[in-house]
């Protein structure tokens, strides 16, 4: 146990790999003995987002190929217990691009907070909360195939959560492919950064 005078903590970070988004289910491809993970649900625009290798040559790592603008994946996570609710959440989207063309995709993140015991889980994109959409600045990708790319940190609205919010729906949407063709862009995952709240009024910080 440490005691201080309400000095704010550094950033906390979370990582959600593409394969952990639970708006997808494992289904067998028609006429194929293998299986692919395909977007499901009303919020998935065309069901074309499919999991596969990150690179045009085998990397051994999985990402989600984006078939068309509007493809999205969603998940729900507990809101971090140490989040400073007066500060924004910040998101960075990591992806690869499988051709040597300077496309400039635009990603959006949609948020839907929930309160346990009183609010139902819903498709995030269809029910995004007011002020809950974050638009990442376009990223002009390198003209080299399979280069790792990332957006700049993109913040949510500060002081946005309501009292009692403790669960958060997150939808990552490929809003604009920026001239890329189907399946050129591969989502690797979403990184989340947040300001850890200062200690409570008793100046007690517990280490677990």
Protein backbone atom coordinates (compact mmCIF):
# COMPACT_ATOMS: atom_id res chain seq x y z
CA UNK A 1 0.00 0.00 0.00
CA UNK A 2 1.30 3.43 -0.96
CA UNK A 3 0.09 6.83 0.17
CA UNK A 4 0.41 10.04 -1.83
CA UNK A 5 -1.47 13.27 -2.41
CA UNK A 6 -3.80 12.29 -5.25
CA UNK A 7 -1.06 12.20 -7.89
CA UNK A 8 -2.50 10.85 -11.11
CA UNK A 9 -1.17 7.58 -12.43
CA UNK A 10 0.41 7.08 -15.83
CA UNK A 11 -1.58 5.69 -18.74
CA UNK A 12 -3.15 2.27 -18.59
CA UNK A 13 -3.36 0.25 -21.81
CA UNK A 14 -5.49 -2.56 -23.18
CA UNK A 15 -5.01 -4.62 -26.32
CA UNK A 16 -7.84 -6.34 -28.23
CA UNK A 17 -6.58 -8.51 -31.09
CA UNK A 18 -8.91 -8.90 -34.06
CA UNK A 19 -9.60 -12.54 -33.24
CA UNK A 20 -10.98 -11.55 -29.83
CA UNK A 21 -13.84 -9.50 -31.24
CA UNK A 22 -16.92 -11.57 -30.44
CA UNK A 23 -19.18 -10.38 -33.26
CA UNK A 24 -17.75 -13.29 -35.23
CA UNK A 25 -18.46 -17.00 -35.15
CA UNK A 26 -16.61 -20.02 -36.46
CA UNK A 27 -18.48 -21.41 -39.48
CA UNK A 28 -17.54 -23.90 -42.14
CA UNK A 29 -17.17 -22.57 -45.66
CA UNK A 30 -19.57 -24.20 -48.11
CA UNK A 31 -17.81 -27.03 -49.95
CA UNK A 32 -14.62 -26.52 -47.97
CA UNK A 33 -13.32 -28.68 -45.15
CA UNK A 34 -11.64 -25.68 -43.51
CA UNK A 35 -13.38 -23.05 -41.42
CA UNK A 36 -13.29 -19.27 -41.53
CA UNK A 37 -14.39 -16.67 -39.03
CA UNK A 38 -17.04 -14.49 -40.64
CA UNK A 39 -18.80 -11.39 -39.28
CA UNK A 40 -22.29 -12.07 -38.01
CA UNK A 41 -25.24 -9.96 -36.83
CA UNK A 42 -27.19 -6.97 -38.07
CA UNK A 43 -24.33 -4.59 -37.43
CA UNK A 44 -22.02 -6.42 -39.83
CA UNK A 45 -22.69 -4.64 -43.11
CA UNK A 46 -22.05 -7.43 -45.59
CA UNK A 47 -20.66 -10.38 -43.66
CA UNK A 48 -17.48 -10.23 -45.73
CA UNK A 49 -14.90 -9.67 -43.02
CA UNK A 50 -12.98 -12.95 -42.78
CA UNK A 51 -10.07 -14.04 -40.60
CA UNK A 52 -6.86 -15.11 -42.28
CA UNK A 53 -3.10 -14.66 -42.31
CA UNK A 54 -1.79 -11.11 -41.86
CA UNK A 55 0.51 -11.21 -44.87
CA UNK A 56 0.55 -12.13 -48.52
CA UNK A 57 3.20 -14.62 -47.44
CA UNK A 58 2.49 -16.72 -44.38
CA UNK A 59 3.28 -14.89 -41.13
CA UNK A 60 1.64 -17.39 -38.78
CA UNK A 61 -0.48 -14.62 -37.24
CA UNK A 62 -4.19 -13.97 -37.73
CA UNK A 63 -5.97 -10.76 -38.66
CA UNK A 64 -9.35 -9.91 -40.16
CA UNK A 65 -9.50 -9.01 -43.84
CA UNK A 66 -11.83 -6.11 -44.68
CA UNK A 67 -14.04 -6.94 -47.64
CA UNK A 68 -15.80 -3.60 -48.05
CA UNK A 69 -16.26 -0.18 -46.49
CA UNK A 70 -18.60 -0.56 -43.54
CA UNK A 71 -17.26 -3.92 -42.39
CA UNK A 72 -17.02 -3.90 -38.61
CA UNK A 73 -16.31 -6.10 -35.63
CA UNK A 74 -17.48 -5.59 -32.08
CA UNK A 75 -16.82 -6.81 -28.56
CA UNK A 76 -17.74 -5.99 -24.98
CA UNK A 77 -15.23 -5.45 -22.19
CA UNK A 78 -15.48 -4.35 -18.54
CA UNK A 79 -14.71 -0.66 -18.13
CA UNK A 80 -11.30 -0.53 -16.40
CA UNK A 81 -11.76 -0.11 -12.66
CA UNK A 82 -8.95 2.47 -12.53
CA UNK A 83 -10.17 4.63 -15.45
CA UNK A 84 -10.35 8.35 -14.74
CA UNK A 85 -13.92 8.99 -15.93
CA UNK A 86 -13.15 12.68 -16.51
CA UNK A 87 -10.54 11.81 -19.14
CA UNK A 88 -11.05 10.37 -22.64
CA UNK A 89 -10.41 6.85 -23.77
CA UNK A 90 -7.96 6.87 -26.67
CA UNK A 91 -7.87 4.31 -29.47
CA UNK A 92 -5.21 3.26 -31.96
CA UNK A 93 -6.07 0.82 -34.76
CA UNK A 94 -3.30 -1.50 -35.99
CA UNK A 95 -3.55 -3.07 -39.44
CA UNK A 96 -1.62 -4.23 -42.49
CA UNK A 97 -2.09 -3.48 -46.19
CA UNK A 98 -1.36 -6.23 -48.68
CA UNK A 99 -0.47 -4.25 -51.80
CA UNK A 100 2.17 -1.65 -52.73
CA UNK A 101 -0.29 1.22 -53.26
CA UNK A 102 -0.65 4.38 -51.18
CA UNK A 103 -4.26 3.94 -50.06
CA UNK A 104 -5.59 5.96 -47.14
CA UNK A 105 -8.18 4.05 -45.09
CA UNK A 106 -10.30 5.69 -42.40
CA UNK A 107 -11.33 3.81 -39.27
CA UNK A 108 -14.12 4.60 -36.83
CA UNK A 109 -14.66 3.36 -33.30
CA UNK A 110 -18.19 3.25 -31.88
CA UNK A 111 -18.89 2.97 -28.15
CA UNK A 112 -21.92 1.76 -26.20
CA UNK A 113 -21.60 1.83 -22.39
CA UNK A 114 -23.82 -0.46 -20.33
CA UNK A 115 -24.73 -0.71 -16.66
CA UNK A 116 -24.86 -4.22 -15.27
CA UNK A 117 -28.20 -5.27 -13.83
CA UNK A 118 -30.21 -2.72 -15.81
CA UNK A 119 -29.16 -2.42 -19.47
CA UNK A 120 -29.27 -5.06 -22.19
CA UNK A 121 -26.39 -5.86 -24.52
CA UNK A 122 -27.09 -4.66 -28.07
CA UNK A 123 -25.30 -4.53 -31.44
CA UNK A 124 -22.97 -1.58 -30.90
CA UNK A 125 -23.03 -0.01 -34.37
CA UNK A 126 -26.83 -0.07 -34.53
CA UNK A 127 -27.18 1.51 -31.09
CA UNK A 128 -24.08 3.66 -30.66
CA UNK A 129 -24.47 6.14 -27.81
CA UNK A 130 -24.74 9.87 -28.50
CA UNK A 131 -21.23 11.25 -28.82
CA UNK A 132 -19.84 7.72 -28.87
CA UNK A 133 -18.28 7.69 -32.35
CA UNK A 134 -14.56 8.38 -32.78
CA UNK A 135 -13.17 9.00 -36.27
CA UNK A 136 -9.48 8.26 -36.74
CA UNK A 137 -7.55 10.44 -39.16
CA UNK A 138 -6.82 8.76 -42.49
CA UNK A 139 -3.54 6.86 -42.66
CA UNK A 140 -1.73 6.92 -46.01
CA UNK A 141 -0.08 3.52 -46.02
CA UNK A 142 3.45 2.74 -47.18
CA UNK A 143 3.82 1.65 -50.79
CA UNK A 144 5.21 -1.67 -49.61
CA UNK A 145 3.06 -4.74 -49.13
CA UNK A 146 2.43 -6.12 -45.62
CA UNK A 147 3.90 -3.16 -43.71
CA UNK A 148 2.46 -2.75 -40.21
CA UNK A 149 0.38 0.44 -40.00
CA UNK A 150 -1.34 2.29 -37.15
CA UNK A 151 -3.62 5.26 -36.74
CA UNK A 152 -2.77 8.16 -34.47
CA UNK A 153 -4.24 8.03 -30.97
CA UNK A 154 -7.87 9.12 -31.32
CA UNK A 155 -9.73 10.28 -28.17
CA UNK A 156 -13.30 9.87 -27.07
CA UNK A 157 -15.25 12.72 -25.48
CA UNK A 158 -14.00 13.49 -21.93
CA UNK A 159 -16.42 13.04 -19.00
CA UNK A 160 -18.63 10.95 -21.26
CA UNK A 161 -19.49 7.97 -19.05
CA UNK A 162 -22.54 8.07 -16.80
CA UNK A 163 -22.64 7.03 -13.17
CA UNK A 164 -23.04 3.27 -13.01
CA UNK A 165 -21.50 2.50 -16.42
CA UNK A 166 -19.27 -0.55 -15.97
CA UNK A 167 -19.35 -2.47 -19.27
CA UNK A 168 -18.44 -1.13 -22.70
CA UNK A 169 -19.36 -2.22 -26.20
CA UNK A 170 -16.67 -1.41 -28.79
CA UNK A 171 -17.17 -1.55 -32.55
CA UNK A 172 -14.25 -1.06 -34.95
CA UNK A 173 -15.49 -0.08 -38.42
CA UNK A 174 -13.58 0.30 -41.67
CA UNK A 175 -15.49 3.43 -42.64
CA UNK A 176 -13.60 4.17 -45.88
CA UNK A 177 -11.06 1.92 -47.59
CA UNK A 178 -9.29 4.90 -49.13
CA UNK A 179 -9.06 3.37 -52.64
CA UNK A 180 -8.07 -0.07 -51.35
CA UNK A 181 -9.72 -3.09 -52.92
CA UNK A 182 -11.54 -5.86 -51.07
CA UNK A 183 -9.35 -7.83 -48.66
CA UNK A 184 -6.28 -5.59 -49.07
CA UNK A 185 -6.62 -4.20 -45.55
CA UNK A 186 -6.17 -6.61 -42.64
CA UNK A 187 -7.19 -5.52 -39.15
CA UNK A 188 -4.67 -6.65 -36.51
CA UNK A 189 -6.38 -5.20 -33.46
CA UNK A 190 -7.28 -2.20 -31.34
CA UNK A 191 -5.09 -0.64 -28.66
CA UNK A 192 -6.77 1.39 -25.91
CA UNK A 193 -5.03 3.97 -23.73
CA UNK A 194 -6.58 5.70 -20.73
CA UNK A 195 -5.58 7.94 -17.84
CA UNK A 196 -5.54 6.10 -14.53
CA UNK A 197 -7.51 7.95 -11.88
CA UNK A 198 -5.86 9.57 -8.90
CA UNK A 199 -6.18 7.98 -5.51
CA UNK A 200 -9.29 8.42 -3.40
CA UNK A 201 -9.63 11.00 -0.65
CA UNK A 202 -8.00 8.72 1.91
CA UNK A 203 -4.79 8.91 -0.17
CA UNK A 204 -4.66 5.12 -0.32
CA UNK A 205 -3.38 3.32 -3.41
CA UNK A 206 -3.63 -0.44 -3.38
CA UNK A 207 -1.23 -2.57 -5.39
CA UNK A 208 -2.50 -5.97 -6.55
